[in-house]
Amino acid sequence: MDLPPQLMLGRTKAEPVQDSGQIRIDYEDPDPTRAQQIALAIAVVYAREHNAAEQGKLREERVILS
C-alpha cells in the first residue's frame, strides 16, 4: 500500500464476534473491493505473525489462528 501506516490504522477496526471465537476486521475505503482486500491482508499477516510467536510454546498451550 502507498498509504502511511497511521492512516491505515485509523481506517481499521477490529472486534470479536460474540460466541464464535472469530475476530471481525473492518477497513474503511471508498473502493469496497480494495477495503475487502486490505482487511483480508491484515488478517493474514496478523495470523501468520501470531502463529509464528506461538511456536515457542508447549503444544497444549498454543493458540493457532486460521
N, C-alpha and C. Protein backbone atom coordinates (compact mmCIF):
# COMPACT_ATOMS: atom_id res chain seq x y z
N MET A 1 0.84 -1.18 0.00
CA MET A 1 0.00 0.00 0.00
C MET A 1 0.88 1.23 0.00
N ASP A 2 0.37 2.25 -0.59
CA ASP A 2 1.09 3.51 -0.63
C ASP A 2 0.60 4.49 0.44
N LEU A 3 -0.17 3.98 1.40
CA LEU A 3 -0.69 4.82 2.48
C LEU A 3 0.19 4.68 3.72
N PRO A 4 0.36 5.76 4.47
CA PRO A 4 1.13 5.67 5.71
C PRO A 4 0.44 4.73 6.72
N PRO A 5 1.22 4.00 7.50
CA PRO A 5 0.63 3.06 8.46
C PRO A 5 -0.37 3.71 9.42
N GLN A 6 -0.10 4.93 9.87
CA GLN A 6 -1.01 5.59 10.81
C GLN A 6 -2.38 5.84 10.17
N LEU A 7 -2.39 6.21 8.90
CA LEU A 7 -3.66 6.42 8.20
C LEU A 7 -4.40 5.09 8.06
N MET A 8 -3.68 4.03 7.71
CA MET A 8 -4.32 2.72 7.59
C MET A 8 -4.87 2.26 8.93
N LEU A 9 -4.12 2.49 10.00
CA LEU A 9 -4.59 2.12 11.33
C LEU A 9 -5.87 2.86 11.68
N GLY A 10 -5.95 4.12 11.32
CA GLY A 10 -7.15 4.91 11.59
C GLY A 10 -8.37 4.43 10.83
N ARG A 11 -8.15 3.74 9.73
CA ARG A 11 -9.25 3.22 8.91
C ARG A 11 -9.64 1.79 9.28
N THR A 12 -8.93 1.21 10.25
CA THR A 12 -9.12 -0.19 10.59
C THR A 12 -9.82 -0.32 11.94
N LYS A 13 -10.80 -1.22 11.99
CA LYS A 13 -11.49 -1.56 13.24
C LYS A 13 -11.49 -3.07 13.37
N ALA A 14 -11.29 -3.55 14.58
CA ALA A 14 -11.35 -4.99 14.84
C ALA A 14 -12.13 -5.22 16.12
N GLU A 15 -12.97 -6.25 16.11
CA GLU A 15 -13.76 -6.58 17.29
C GLU A 15 -14.10 -8.06 17.27
N PRO A 16 -14.25 -8.65 18.45
CA PRO A 16 -14.61 -10.07 18.49
C PRO A 16 -16.06 -10.28 18.04
N VAL A 17 -16.29 -11.39 17.38
CA VAL A 17 -17.65 -11.79 17.03
C VAL A 17 -18.14 -12.64 18.20
N GLN A 18 -19.19 -12.18 18.85
CA GLN A 18 -19.67 -12.80 20.09
C GLN A 18 -19.95 -14.28 19.91
N ASP A 19 -19.46 -15.08 20.86
CA ASP A 19 -19.71 -16.53 20.93
C ASP A 19 -19.25 -17.31 19.70
N SER A 20 -18.21 -16.82 19.00
CA SER A 20 -17.78 -17.54 17.80
C SER A 20 -16.29 -17.84 17.76
N GLY A 21 -15.50 -17.17 18.58
CA GLY A 21 -14.05 -17.34 18.51
C GLY A 21 -13.43 -16.64 17.32
N GLN A 22 -14.19 -15.78 16.66
CA GLN A 22 -13.70 -15.06 15.49
C GLN A 22 -13.48 -13.59 15.81
N ILE A 23 -12.67 -12.95 14.97
CA ILE A 23 -12.45 -11.51 15.06
C ILE A 23 -12.89 -10.90 13.74
N ARG A 24 -13.69 -9.87 13.81
CA ARG A 24 -14.14 -9.16 12.61
C ARG A 24 -13.21 -7.97 12.39
N ILE A 25 -12.67 -7.87 11.18
CA ILE A 25 -11.80 -6.75 10.82
C ILE A 25 -12.50 -5.96 9.73
N ASP A 26 -12.71 -4.67 9.98
CA ASP A 26 -13.30 -3.77 9.00
C ASP A 26 -12.27 -2.74 8.60
N TYR A 27 -12.22 -2.42 7.32
CA TYR A 27 -11.33 -1.40 6.81
C TYR A 27 -12.15 -0.45 5.97
N GLU A 28 -12.06 0.84 6.27
CA GLU A 28 -12.83 1.85 5.54
C GLU A 28 -12.03 2.34 4.34
N ASP A 29 -12.63 2.24 3.16
CA ASP A 29 -12.01 2.71 1.93
C ASP A 29 -13.13 3.01 0.94
N PRO A 30 -12.98 4.04 0.12
CA PRO A 30 -14.02 4.35 -0.86
C PRO A 30 -14.27 3.20 -1.85
N ASP A 31 -13.26 2.39 -2.10
CA ASP A 31 -13.39 1.25 -3.02
C ASP A 31 -13.67 -0.01 -2.19
N PRO A 32 -14.88 -0.56 -2.26
CA PRO A 32 -15.21 -1.72 -1.42
C PRO A 32 -14.34 -2.95 -1.70
N THR A 33 -13.94 -3.13 -2.94
CA THR A 33 -13.07 -4.27 -3.27
C THR A 33 -11.72 -4.11 -2.59
N ARG A 34 -11.16 -2.92 -2.65
CA ARG A 34 -9.87 -2.68 -2.01
C ARG A 34 -10.00 -2.79 -0.49
N ALA A 35 -11.11 -2.31 0.07
CA ALA A 35 -11.33 -2.43 1.52
C ALA A 35 -11.34 -3.90 1.93
N GLN A 36 -12.00 -4.73 1.16
CA GLN A 36 -12.06 -6.16 1.45
C GLN A 36 -10.67 -6.79 1.34
N GLN A 37 -9.92 -6.44 0.32
CA GLN A 37 -8.58 -6.99 0.13
C GLN A 37 -7.64 -6.58 1.26
N ILE A 38 -7.73 -5.34 1.70
CA ILE A 38 -6.87 -4.86 2.77
C ILE A 38 -7.24 -5.54 4.09
N ALA A 39 -8.53 -5.65 4.39
CA ALA A 39 -8.95 -6.32 5.63
C ALA A 39 -8.46 -7.76 5.65
N LEU A 40 -8.57 -8.44 4.52
CA LEU A 40 -8.10 -9.83 4.44
C LEU A 40 -6.58 -9.89 4.61
N ALA A 41 -5.87 -8.97 4.00
CA ALA A 41 -4.41 -8.95 4.13
C ALA A 41 -3.99 -8.70 5.57
N ILE A 42 -4.68 -7.82 6.27
CA ILE A 42 -4.40 -7.57 7.68
C ILE A 42 -4.60 -8.85 8.48
N ALA A 43 -5.69 -9.56 8.21
CA ALA A 43 -5.98 -10.81 8.93
C ALA A 43 -4.90 -11.86 8.66
N VAL A 44 -4.48 -11.99 7.42
CA VAL A 44 -3.46 -12.99 7.07
C VAL A 44 -2.13 -12.68 7.76
N VAL A 45 -1.71 -11.43 7.71
CA VAL A 45 -0.44 -11.05 8.34
C VAL A 45 -0.52 -11.24 9.85
N TYR A 46 -1.63 -10.83 10.46
CA TYR A 46 -1.78 -11.00 11.90
C TYR A 46 -1.72 -12.48 12.28
N ALA A 47 -2.46 -13.31 11.58
CA ALA A 47 -2.47 -14.74 11.89
C ALA A 47 -1.08 -15.35 11.72
N ARG A 48 -0.39 -14.98 10.66
CA ARG A 48 0.95 -15.51 10.41
C ARG A 48 1.91 -15.13 11.54
N GLU A 49 1.90 -13.86 11.94
CA GLU A 49 2.80 -13.41 13.00
C GLU A 49 2.42 -14.02 14.35
N HIS A 50 1.14 -14.10 14.63
CA HIS A 50 0.69 -14.70 15.89
C HIS A 50 1.10 -16.17 15.95
N ASN A 51 0.84 -16.91 14.88
CA ASN A 51 1.16 -18.33 14.86
C ASN A 51 2.66 -18.57 14.98
N ALA A 52 3.46 -17.73 14.38
CA ALA A 52 4.92 -17.85 14.50
C ALA A 52 5.34 -17.64 15.95
N ALA A 53 4.74 -16.68 16.63
CA ALA A 53 5.07 -16.42 18.02
C ALA A 53 4.64 -17.57 18.93
N GLU A 54 3.60 -18.27 18.56
CA GLU A 54 3.09 -19.38 19.36
C GLU A 54 3.98 -20.62 19.27
N GLN A 55 4.81 -20.72 18.26
CA GLN A 55 5.62 -21.91 18.05
C GLN A 55 6.57 -22.20 19.21
N GLY A 56 6.94 -21.18 19.96
CA GLY A 56 7.84 -21.38 21.08
C GLY A 56 7.16 -21.94 22.33
N LYS A 57 5.85 -22.04 22.31
CA LYS A 57 5.10 -22.52 23.48
C LYS A 57 4.92 -24.03 23.41
N LEU A 58 4.59 -24.60 24.55
CA LEU A 58 4.25 -26.02 24.58
C LEU A 58 3.01 -26.25 23.72
N ARG A 59 2.95 -27.40 23.10
CA ARG A 59 1.86 -27.71 22.17
C ARG A 59 0.47 -27.48 22.80
N GLU A 60 0.30 -27.91 24.04
CA GLU A 60 -1.01 -27.78 24.68
C GLU A 60 -1.36 -26.36 25.09
N GLU A 61 -0.38 -25.44 25.03
CA GLU A 61 -0.63 -24.05 25.38
C GLU A 61 -0.79 -23.15 24.15
N ARG A 62 -0.54 -23.69 22.98
CA ARG A 62 -0.61 -22.89 21.75
C ARG A 62 -2.05 -22.55 21.36
N VAL A 63 -2.20 -21.37 20.82
CA VAL A 63 -3.46 -20.97 20.18
C VAL A 63 -3.09 -20.62 18.75
N ILE A 64 -3.53 -21.46 17.82
CA ILE A 64 -3.20 -21.26 16.41
C ILE A 64 -4.41 -20.67 15.69
N LEU A 65 -4.17 -19.60 14.97
CA LEU A 65 -5.24 -18.91 14.23
C LEU A 65 -5.29 -19.39 12.80
N SER A 66 -6.49 -19.39 12.25
CA SER A 66 -6.66 -19.72 10.83
C SER A 66 -7.67 -18.79 10.20
